[in-house]
């Protein structure tokens, strides 16, 4: 009995005397580059009334970018210099006022792993989360080419995206079990630009007997980890079918004009 009680005390004692505890941190999982919208990185912690020597720090990829040592004013350091609203107040509590970072306009160099550390003379705690800063594409194009008697190619191209996205080509399928059919890529290429952004091209080949004129074909661009999706859609008609339709329309116009001239 006493042995169990002693073991329990040894387990619970460190928790009972713990001075600093980070309750949670809030870091956006993904934000758009240069959107001119500020974001808040929140570090919520608990202290004991008699805690002294408080220091709050934020790290980005293991480098200190923010520091607050009451009663001094908070400081922006490293890549965060000139990018923070240092007047932002999180709480009226003098020991909590400047616990958070207010980034004025997040850009790609501010992406990575954020860590908040809170320490006093007697204890320390930390918590971390990752943030992606993404750049939407400058263009997304979908086209068809390479006609033959048996197949047709669809090509999707995206330009200047960050981080590296995924391109998925699919067509609508109207049956009771599926609403789309993903098409396997037969060719693809990815290039990294000097800016660090990516340009991609993917091509898929479709058998003509599996696609009907008037079918909808789509290309989805997805940036992993962000929830960002952009879609390009085209209405498929074979070139020969399109040319025939144009000829028929032209012939109808000519017949109509001839009929009007005969009536006059």
C-alpha atoms as a PDB file:
ATOM      1  CA  UNK A   1       0.000   0.000   0.000  1.00  0.00           C
ATOM      2  CA  UNK A   2       2.667   2.519   1.036  1.00  0.00           C
ATOM      3  CA  UNK A   3       4.839   1.494  -1.881  1.00  0.00           C
ATOM      4  CA  UNK A   4       2.060   2.226  -4.356  1.00  0.00           C
ATOM      5  CA  UNK A   5       1.367   5.581  -2.729  1.00  0.00           C
ATOM      6  CA  UNK A   6       5.053   6.482  -2.910  1.00  0.00           C
ATOM      7  CA  UNK A   7       5.217   5.601  -6.616  1.00  0.00           C
ATOM      8  CA  UNK A   8       2.091   7.679  -7.269  1.00  0.00           C
ATOM      9  CA  UNK A   9       3.630  10.677  -5.503  1.00  0.00           C
ATOM     10  CA  UNK A  10       6.789  10.454  -7.573  1.00  0.00           C
ATOM     11  CA  UNK A  11       4.698  10.391 -10.759  1.00  0.00           C
ATOM     12  CA  UNK A  12       2.380  13.245  -9.794  1.00  0.00           C
ATOM     13  CA  UNK A  13       4.870  15.521  -8.034  1.00  0.00           C
ATOM     14  CA  UNK A  14       6.493  16.960 -11.208  1.00  0.00           C
ATOM     15  CA  UNK A  15       3.058  17.758 -12.613  1.00  0.00           C
ATOM     16  CA  UNK A  16       1.922  19.356  -9.351  1.00  0.00           C
ATOM     17  CA  UNK A  17       4.894  21.721  -9.191  1.00  0.00           C
ATOM     18  CA  UNK A  18       4.985  22.449 -12.923  1.00  0.00           C
ATOM     19  CA  UNK A  19       5.166  26.219 -13.338  1.00  0.00           C
ATOM     20  CA  UNK A  20       4.749  26.737 -17.091  1.00  0.00           C
ATOM     21  CA  UNK A  21       2.312  24.968 -19.365  1.00  0.00           C
ATOM     22  CA  UNK A  22       1.439  25.789 -22.969  1.00  0.00           C
ATOM     23  CA  UNK A  23      -2.256  25.069 -23.356  1.00  0.00           C
ATOM     24  CA  UNK A  24      -2.265  25.323 -27.153  1.00  0.00           C
ATOM     25  CA  UNK A  25      -0.818  27.206 -30.097  1.00  0.00           C
ATOM     26  CA  UNK A  26      -2.747  28.357 -33.145  1.00  0.00           C
ATOM     27  CA  UNK A  27      -0.831  28.508 -36.413  1.00  0.00           C
ATOM     28  CA  UNK A  28      -2.667  28.599 -39.777  1.00  0.00           C
ATOM     29  CA  UNK A  29      -1.934  25.391 -41.675  1.00  0.00           C
ATOM     30  CA  UNK A  30      -1.868  27.266 -45.002  1.00  0.00           C
ATOM     31  CA  UNK A  31      -2.006  30.907 -46.127  1.00  0.00           C
ATOM     32  CA  UNK A  32      -1.737  32.540 -49.533  1.00  0.00           C
ATOM     33  CA  UNK A  33       1.458  34.341 -50.424  1.00  0.00           C
ATOM     34  CA  UNK A  34       1.416  38.146 -50.471  1.00  0.00           C
ATOM     35  CA  UNK A  35      -2.367  38.303 -49.961  1.00  0.00           C
ATOM     36  CA  UNK A  36      -2.104  41.503 -47.869  1.00  0.00           C
ATOM     37  CA  UNK A  37      -4.107  39.824 -45.086  1.00  0.00           C
ATOM     38  CA  UNK A  38      -2.491  39.683 -41.664  1.00  0.00           C
ATOM     39  CA  UNK A  39      -2.469  36.476 -39.607  1.00  0.00           C
ATOM     40  CA  UNK A  40      -2.167  35.739 -35.892  1.00  0.00           C
ATOM     41  CA  UNK A  41       0.064  33.023 -34.436  1.00  0.00           C
ATOM     42  CA  UNK A  42      -1.323  32.431 -30.960  1.00  0.00           C
ATOM     43  CA  UNK A  43       0.606  30.937 -28.033  1.00  0.00           C
ATOM     44  CA  UNK A  44      -1.715  30.321 -25.077  1.00  0.00           C
ATOM     45  CA  UNK A  45      -0.043  29.304 -21.813  1.00  0.00           C
ATOM     46  CA  UNK A  46      -0.608  29.116 -18.064  1.00  0.00           C
ATOM     47  CA  UNK A  47       1.661  30.374 -15.259  1.00  0.00           C
ATOM     48  CA  UNK A  48       1.624  30.194 -11.476  1.00  0.00           C
ATOM     49  CA  UNK A  49       1.049  33.513  -9.658  1.00  0.00           C
ATOM     50  CA  UNK A  50       4.566  33.477  -8.203  1.00  0.00           C
ATOM     51  CA  UNK A  51       6.379  32.726 -11.498  1.00  0.00           C
ATOM     52  CA  UNK A  52       9.201  35.129 -12.332  1.00  0.00           C
ATOM     53  CA  UNK A  53      11.640  35.624 -15.182  1.00  0.00           C
ATOM     54  CA  UNK A  54       9.120  35.172 -18.015  1.00  0.00           C
ATOM     55  CA  UNK A  55      10.532  34.846 -21.568  1.00  0.00           C
ATOM     56  CA  UNK A  56       8.349  34.152 -24.619  1.00  0.00           C
ATOM     57  CA  UNK A  57      10.035  33.230 -27.890  1.00  0.00           C
ATOM     58  CA  UNK A  58       8.862  32.173 -31.332  1.00  0.00           C
ATOM     59  CA  UNK A  59      11.142  30.140 -33.603  1.00  0.00           C
ATOM     60  CA  UNK A  60      10.859  29.580 -37.351  1.00  0.00           C
ATOM     61  CA  UNK A  61      12.762  26.518 -38.530  1.00  0.00           C
ATOM     62  CA  UNK A  62      14.846  26.628 -35.309  1.00  0.00           C
ATOM     63  CA  UNK A  63      15.806  30.315 -35.695  1.00  0.00           C
ATOM     64  CA  UNK A  64      14.496  32.879 -33.166  1.00  0.00           C
ATOM     65  CA  UNK A  65      12.184  35.353 -34.933  1.00  0.00           C
ATOM     66  CA  UNK A  66      10.316  36.910 -31.967  1.00  0.00           C
ATOM     67  CA  UNK A  67      11.095  37.575 -28.325  1.00  0.00           C
ATOM     68  CA  UNK A  68       9.233  39.152 -25.432  1.00  0.00           C
ATOM     69  CA  UNK A  69      10.782  39.611 -21.985  1.00  0.00           C
ATOM     70  CA  UNK A  70       8.423  41.643 -19.766  1.00  0.00           C
ATOM     71  CA  UNK A  71       8.431  44.498 -18.989  1.00  0.00           C
ATOM     72  CA  UNK A  72      10.390  45.187 -22.196  1.00  0.00           C
ATOM     73  CA  UNK A  73       8.706  45.660 -25.552  1.00  0.00           C
ATOM     74  CA  UNK A  74       8.518  42.647 -27.908  1.00  0.00           C
ATOM     75  CA  UNK A  75      11.175  42.298 -30.633  1.00  0.00           C
ATOM     76  CA  UNK A  76      11.056  40.999 -34.200  1.00  0.00           C
ATOM     77  CA  UNK A  77      14.245  39.156 -35.134  1.00  0.00           C
ATOM     78  CA  UNK A  78      15.786  37.600 -38.247  1.00  0.00           C
ATOM     79  CA  UNK A  79      13.427  37.202 -41.202  1.00  0.00           C
ATOM     80  CA  UNK A  80      10.560  38.709 -39.159  1.00  0.00           C
ATOM     81  CA  UNK A  81      12.150  42.159 -38.936  1.00  0.00           C
ATOM     82  CA  UNK A  82       9.760  44.690 -40.444  1.00  0.00           C
ATOM     83  CA  UNK A  83       7.050  42.041 -40.945  1.00  0.00           C
ATOM     84  CA  UNK A  84       5.274  42.108 -37.582  1.00  0.00           C
ATOM     85  CA  UNK A  85       2.758  44.384 -35.933  1.00  0.00           C
ATOM     86  CA  UNK A  86       4.545  44.711 -32.598  1.00  0.00           C
ATOM     87  CA  UNK A  87       1.646  46.715 -31.133  1.00  0.00           C
ATOM     88  CA  UNK A  88      -0.696  43.724 -31.306  1.00  0.00           C
ATOM     89  CA  UNK A  89      -1.984  42.793 -27.816  1.00  0.00           C
ATOM     90  CA  UNK A  90      -3.306  39.270 -27.103  1.00  0.00           C
ATOM     91  CA  UNK A  91      -4.522  39.815 -23.537  1.00  0.00           C
ATOM     92  CA  UNK A  92      -4.951  42.427 -20.827  1.00  0.00           C
ATOM     93  CA  UNK A  93      -2.956  40.208 -18.478  1.00  0.00           C
ATOM     94  CA  UNK A  94       0.527  41.806 -18.128  1.00  0.00           C
ATOM     95  CA  UNK A  95       2.087  38.325 -18.349  1.00  0.00           C
ATOM     96  CA  UNK A  96       0.174  37.428 -21.523  1.00  0.00           C
ATOM     97  CA  UNK A  97       0.000  40.685 -23.490  1.00  0.00           C
ATOM     98  CA  UNK A  98       2.548  39.975 -26.211  1.00  0.00           C
ATOM     99  CA  UNK A  99       2.445  36.190 -26.329  1.00  0.00           C
ATOM    100  CA  UNK A 100       1.359  36.097 -30.002  1.00  0.00           C
ATOM    101  CA  UNK A 101       2.779  37.207 -33.348  1.00  0.00           C
ATOM    102  CA  UNK A 102       0.793  39.313 -35.793  1.00  0.00           C
ATOM    103  CA  UNK A 103       2.346  38.833 -39.255  1.00  0.00           C
ATOM    104  CA  UNK A 104       1.305  41.739 -41.458  1.00  0.00           C
ATOM    105  CA  UNK A 105       1.614  40.071 -44.893  1.00  0.00           C
ATOM    106  CA  UNK A 106       2.902  36.471 -44.956  1.00  0.00           C
ATOM    107  CA  UNK A 107       5.181  35.524 -47.861  1.00  0.00           C
ATOM    108  CA  UNK A 108       6.879  32.293 -48.912  1.00  0.00           C
ATOM    109  CA  UNK A 109      10.065  32.848 -46.877  1.00  0.00           C
ATOM    110  CA  UNK A 110       7.911  32.720 -43.732  1.00  0.00           C
ATOM    111  CA  UNK A 111       6.761  29.140 -44.369  1.00  0.00           C
ATOM    112  CA  UNK A 112       7.976  26.295 -42.178  1.00  0.00           C
ATOM    113  CA  UNK A 113       7.875  24.949 -38.634  1.00  0.00           C
ATOM    114  CA  UNK A 114       6.895  27.417 -35.915  1.00  0.00           C
ATOM    115  CA  UNK A 115       7.733  26.763 -32.282  1.00  0.00           C
ATOM    116  CA  UNK A 116       6.603  28.767 -29.261  1.00  0.00           C
ATOM    117  CA  UNK A 117       8.679  28.451 -26.094  1.00  0.00           C
ATOM    118  CA  UNK A 118       7.661  29.876 -22.724  1.00  0.00           C
ATOM    119  CA  UNK A 119      10.152  29.833 -19.854  1.00  0.00           C
ATOM    120  CA  UNK A 120      10.575  31.167 -16.327  1.00  0.00           C
ATOM    121  CA  UNK A 121      13.337  30.848 -13.757  1.00  0.00           C
ATOM    122  CA  UNK A 122      11.986  27.437 -12.749  1.00  0.00           C
ATOM    123  CA  UNK A 123      10.404  25.820 -15.796  1.00  0.00           C
ATOM    124  CA  UNK A 124       9.964  25.786 -19.591  1.00  0.00           C
ATOM    125  CA  UNK A 125       7.488  24.412 -22.121  1.00  0.00           C
ATOM    126  CA  UNK A 126       7.152  24.497 -25.903  1.00  0.00           C
ATOM    127  CA  UNK A 127       4.789  23.538 -28.721  1.00  0.00           C
ATOM    128  CA  UNK A 128       5.136  23.591 -32.495  1.00  0.00           C
ATOM    129  CA  UNK A 129       3.136  23.541 -35.721  1.00  0.00           C
ATOM    130  CA  UNK A 130       3.848  23.827 -39.437  1.00  0.00           C
ATOM    131  CA  UNK A 131       2.593  26.542 -41.819  1.00  0.00           C
ATOM    132  CA  UNK A 132       2.559  26.463 -45.632  1.00  0.00           C
ATOM    133  CA  UNK A 133       2.635  29.704 -47.619  1.00  0.00           C
ATOM    134  CA  UNK A 134       1.410  28.857 -51.123  1.00  0.00           C
ATOM    135  CA  UNK A 135       1.497  30.697 -54.446  1.00  0.00           C
ATOM    136  CA  UNK A 136      -1.465  30.131 -56.821  1.00  0.00           C
ATOM    137  CA  UNK A 137      -0.782  29.410 -60.480  1.00  0.00           C
ATOM    138  CA  UNK A 138      -0.374  32.236 -62.986  1.00  0.00           C
ATOM    139  CA  UNK A 139      -2.135  30.100 -65.614  1.00  0.00           C
ATOM    140  CA  UNK A 140      -3.892  26.740 -65.989  1.00  0.00           C
ATOM    141  CA  UNK A 141      -4.586  25.442 -69.503  1.00  0.00           C
ATOM    142  CA  UNK A 142      -6.292  22.306 -70.847  1.00  0.00           C
ATOM    143  CA  UNK A 143      -6.153  21.295 -74.514  1.00  0.00           C
ATOM    144  CA  UNK A 144      -6.527  18.252 -76.777  1.00  0.00           C
ATOM    145  CA  UNK A 145      -4.291  17.132 -79.635  1.00  0.00           C
ATOM    146  CA  UNK A 146      -2.724  14.106 -81.309  1.00  0.00           C
ATOM    147  CA  UNK A 147      -5.854  12.870 -83.031  1.00  0.00           C
ATOM    148  CA  UNK A 148      -5.753   9.439 -84.650  1.00  0.00           C
ATOM    149  CA  UNK A 149      -8.268   6.807 -85.623  1.00  0.00           C
ATOM    150  CA  UNK A 150      -7.967   5.224 -82.196  1.00  0.00           C
ATOM    151  CA  UNK A 151      -7.075   7.814 -79.558  1.00  0.00           C
ATOM    152  CA  UNK A 152      -6.806  11.465 -78.526  1.00  0.00           C
ATOM    153  CA  UNK A 153      -4.461  13.247 -76.081  1.00  0.00           C
ATOM    154  CA  UNK A 154      -5.459  15.760 -73.404  1.00  0.00           C
ATOM    155  CA  UNK A 155      -2.738  18.027 -71.979  1.00  0.00           C
ATOM    156  CA  UNK A 156      -2.929  20.157 -68.828  1.00  0.00           C
ATOM    157  CA  UNK A 157      -0.312  22.819 -68.068  1.00  0.00           C
ATOM    158  CA  UNK A 158       0.141  24.901 -64.904  1.00  0.00           C
ATOM    159  CA  UNK A 159       2.629  27.744 -64.504  1.00  0.00           C
ATOM    160  CA  UNK A 160       4.495  29.241 -61.518  1.00  0.00           C
ATOM    161  CA  UNK A 161       2.938  27.448 -58.538  1.00  0.00           C
ATOM    162  CA  UNK A 162       4.391  26.918 -55.047  1.00  0.00           C
ATOM    163  CA  UNK A 163       4.797  24.446 -53.423  1.00  0.00           C
ATOM    164  CA  UNK A 164       4.789  21.696 -56.063  1.00  0.00           C
ATOM    165  CA  UNK A 165       1.155  20.900 -56.959  1.00  0.00           C
ATOM    166  CA  UNK A 166      -0.593  17.869 -58.427  1.00  0.00           C
ATOM    167  CA  UNK A 167      -2.391  17.852 -61.789  1.00  0.00           C
ATOM    168  CA  UNK A 168      -5.263  15.393 -62.270  1.00  0.00           C
ATOM    169  CA  UNK A 169      -7.152  14.954 -65.566  1.00  0.00           C
ATOM    170  CA  UNK A 170     -10.548  13.253 -65.524  1.00  0.00           C
ATOM    171  CA  UNK A 171     -13.784  13.082 -67.479  1.00  0.00           C
ATOM    172  CA  UNK A 172     -17.403  12.941 -66.388  1.00  0.00           C
ATOM    173  CA  UNK A 173     -18.954   9.481 -66.243  1.00  0.00           C
ATOM    174  CA  UNK A 174     -22.720   9.278 -66.064  1.00  0.00           C
ATOM    175  CA  UNK A 175     -23.692   6.068 -64.326  1.00  0.00           C
ATOM    176  CA  UNK A 176     -25.179   5.171 -60.957  1.00  0.00           C
ATOM    177  CA  UNK A 177     -21.826   4.310 -59.364  1.00  0.00           C
ATOM    178  CA  UNK A 178     -19.378   7.012 -60.479  1.00  0.00           C
ATOM    179  CA  UNK A 179     -19.487  10.665 -61.462  1.00  0.00           C
ATOM    180  CA  UNK A 180     -15.927  10.857 -62.817  1.00  0.00           C
ATOM    181  CA  UNK A 181     -13.155   8.744 -64.311  1.00  0.00           C
ATOM    182  CA  UNK A 182      -9.530   9.617 -63.661  1.00  0.00           C
ATOM    183  CA  UNK A 183      -7.266   9.336 -66.689  1.00  0.00           C
ATOM    184  CA  UNK A 184      -3.772   7.912 -66.319  1.00  0.00           C
ATOM    185  CA  UNK A 185      -0.912  10.191 -67.368  1.00  0.00           C
ATOM    186  CA  UNK A 186       1.309   8.940 -70.195  1.00  0.00           C
ATOM    187  CA  UNK A 187       3.674  11.934 -70.173  1.00  0.00           C
ATOM    188  CA  UNK A 188       4.536  14.501 -67.514  1.00  0.00           C
ATOM    189  CA  UNK A 189       7.224  17.036 -66.742  1.00  0.00           C
ATOM    190  CA  UNK A 190       8.065  19.346 -63.841  1.00  0.00           C
ATOM    191  CA  UNK A 191      10.479  22.277 -63.862  1.00  0.00           C
ATOM    192  CA  UNK A 192      11.720  24.362 -60.921  1.00  0.00           C
ATOM    193  CA  UNK A 193      12.029  28.030 -61.844  1.00  0.00           C
ATOM    194  CA  UNK A 194      14.690  30.431 -60.462  1.00  0.00           C
ATOM    195  CA  UNK A 195      11.953  31.926 -58.259  1.00  0.00           C
ATOM    196  CA  UNK A 196      11.534  28.528 -56.582  1.00  0.00           C
ATOM    197  CA  UNK A 197       8.099  28.046 -58.115  1.00  0.00           C
ATOM    198  CA  UNK A 198       7.037  25.098 -60.271  1.00  0.00           C
ATOM    199  CA  UNK A 199       5.665  24.701 -63.780  1.00  0.00           C
ATOM    200  CA  UNK A 200       4.085  21.361 -64.706  1.00  0.00           C
ATOM    201  CA  UNK A 201       2.641  19.570 -67.720  1.00  0.00           C
ATOM    202  CA  UNK A 202       0.768  16.284 -67.800  1.00  0.00           C
ATOM    203  CA  UNK A 203      -0.694  14.445 -70.798  1.00  0.00           C
ATOM    204  CA  UNK A 204      -3.167  11.572 -70.891  1.00  0.00           C
ATOM    205  CA  UNK A 205      -4.303   9.438 -73.820  1.00  0.00           C
ATOM    206  CA  UNK A 206      -7.924   8.398 -74.293  1.00  0.00           C
ATOM    207  CA  UNK A 207      -9.328   5.751 -76.639  1.00  0.00           C
ATOM    208  CA  UNK A 208     -11.909   7.297 -78.953  1.00  0.00           C
ATOM    209  CA  UNK A 209     -14.423   4.555 -78.287  1.00  0.00           C
ATOM    210  CA  UNK A 210     -14.411   5.504 -74.567  1.00  0.00           C
ATOM    211  CA  UNK A 211     -15.290   9.178 -75.015  1.00  0.00           C
ATOM    212  CA  UNK A 212     -18.272  10.711 -76.754  1.00  0.00           C
ATOM    213  CA  UNK A 213     -18.512  14.108 -78.487  1.00  0.00           C
ATOM    214  CA  UNK A 214     -19.858  16.631 -75.987  1.00  0.00           C
ATOM    215  CA  UNK A 215     -18.131  14.991 -73.014  1.00  0.00           C
ATOM    216  CA  UNK A 216     -16.726  17.229 -70.280  1.00  0.00           C
ATOM    217  CA  UNK A 217     -13.022  16.827 -69.515  1.00  0.00           C
ATOM    218  CA  UNK A 218     -11.495  18.487 -66.440  1.00  0.00           C
ATOM    219  CA  UNK A 219      -8.049  19.225 -65.046  1.00  0.00           C
ATOM    220  CA  UNK A 220      -7.727  19.823 -61.304  1.00  0.00           C
ATOM    221  CA  UNK A 221      -4.711  21.571 -59.820  1.00  0.00           C
ATOM    222  CA  UNK A 222      -4.236  20.744 -56.137  1.00  0.00           C
ATOM    223  CA  UNK A 223      -1.612  22.126 -53.757  1.00  0.00           C
ATOM    224  CA  UNK A 224      -1.064  19.448 -51.085  1.00  0.00           C
ATOM    225  CA  UNK A 225      -1.668  20.456 -47.492  1.00  0.00           C
ATOM    226  CA  UNK A 226      -3.522  23.672 -48.360  1.00  0.00           C
ATOM    227  CA  UNK A 227      -7.013  22.749 -49.534  1.00  0.00           C
ATOM    228  CA  UNK A 228      -6.395  24.897 -52.639  1.00  0.00           C
ATOM    229  CA  UNK A 229      -8.011  23.475 -55.803  1.00  0.00           C
ATOM    230  CA  UNK A 230      -8.348  25.116 -59.233  1.00  0.00           C
ATOM    231  CA  UNK A 231     -10.244  23.476 -62.106  1.00  0.00           C
ATOM    232  CA  UNK A 232     -10.075  23.932 -65.873  1.00  0.00           C
ATOM    233  CA  UNK A 233     -12.872  22.374 -67.977  1.00  0.00           C
ATOM    234  CA  UNK A 234     -13.338  21.830 -71.684  1.00  0.00           C
ATOM    235  CA  UNK A 235     -16.178  20.457 -73.825  1.00  0.00           C
ATOM    236  CA  UNK A 236     -14.745  17.757 -76.059  1.00  0.00           C
ATOM    237  CA  UNK A 237     -15.576  17.578 -79.758  1.00  0.00           C
ATOM    238  CA  UNK A 238     -13.355  15.845 -82.342  1.00  0.00           C
ATOM    239  CA  UNK A 239     -11.693  18.163 -84.833  1.00  0.00           C
ATOM    240  CA  UNK A 240     -13.409  16.449 -87.768  1.00  0.00           C
ATOM    241  CA  UNK A 241     -16.782  16.831 -86.045  1.00  0.00           C
ATOM    242  CA  UNK A 242     -16.116  20.516 -85.354  1.00  0.00           C
ATOM    243  CA  UNK A 243     -15.110  21.190 -88.967  1.00  0.00           C
ATOM    244  CA  UNK A 244     -18.221  19.421 -90.251  1.00  0.00           C
ATOM    245  CA  UNK A 245     -20.439  21.497 -87.928  1.00  0.00           C
ATOM    246  CA  UNK A 246     -18.817  24.708 -89.148  1.00  0.00           C
ATOM    247  CA  UNK A 247     -19.327  23.689 -92.788  1.00  0.00           C
ATOM    248  CA  UNK A 248     -22.976  22.893 -92.144  1.00  0.00           C
ATOM    249  CA  UNK A 249     -23.548  26.273 -90.486  1.00  0.00           C
ATOM    250  CA  UNK A 250     -21.815  28.058 -93.380  1.00  0.00           C
ATOM    251  CA  UNK A 251     -23.901  26.135 -95.934  1.00  0.00           C
ATOM    252  CA  UNK A 252     -27.130  27.062 -94.139  1.00  0.00           C
ATOM    253  CA  UNK A 253     -26.131  30.744 -94.126  1.00  0.00           C
ATOM    254  CA  UNK A 254     -25.369  30.645 -97.868  1.00  0.00           C
ATOM    255  CA  UNK A 255     -28.709  28.987 -98.639  1.00  0.00           C
ATOM    256  CA  UNK A 256     -30.538  31.572 -96.534  1.00  0.00           C
ATOM    257  CA  UNK A 257     -28.774  34.481 -98.259  1.00  0.00           C
ATOM    258  CA  UNK A 258     -29.512  32.978-101.716  1.00  0.00           C
ATOM    259  CA  UNK A 259     -33.202  32.584-100.843  1.00  0.00           C
ATOM    260  CA  UNK A 260     -33.425  36.235 -99.743  1.00  0.00           C
ATOM    261  CA  UNK A 261     -31.738  37.425-102.956  1.00  0.00           C
ATOM    262  CA  UNK A 262     -34.159  35.412-105.134  1.00  0.00           C
ATOM    263  CA  UNK A 263     -37.147  36.865-103.293  1.00  0.00           C
ATOM    264  CA  UNK A 264     -35.868  40.398-103.970  1.00  0.00           C
END
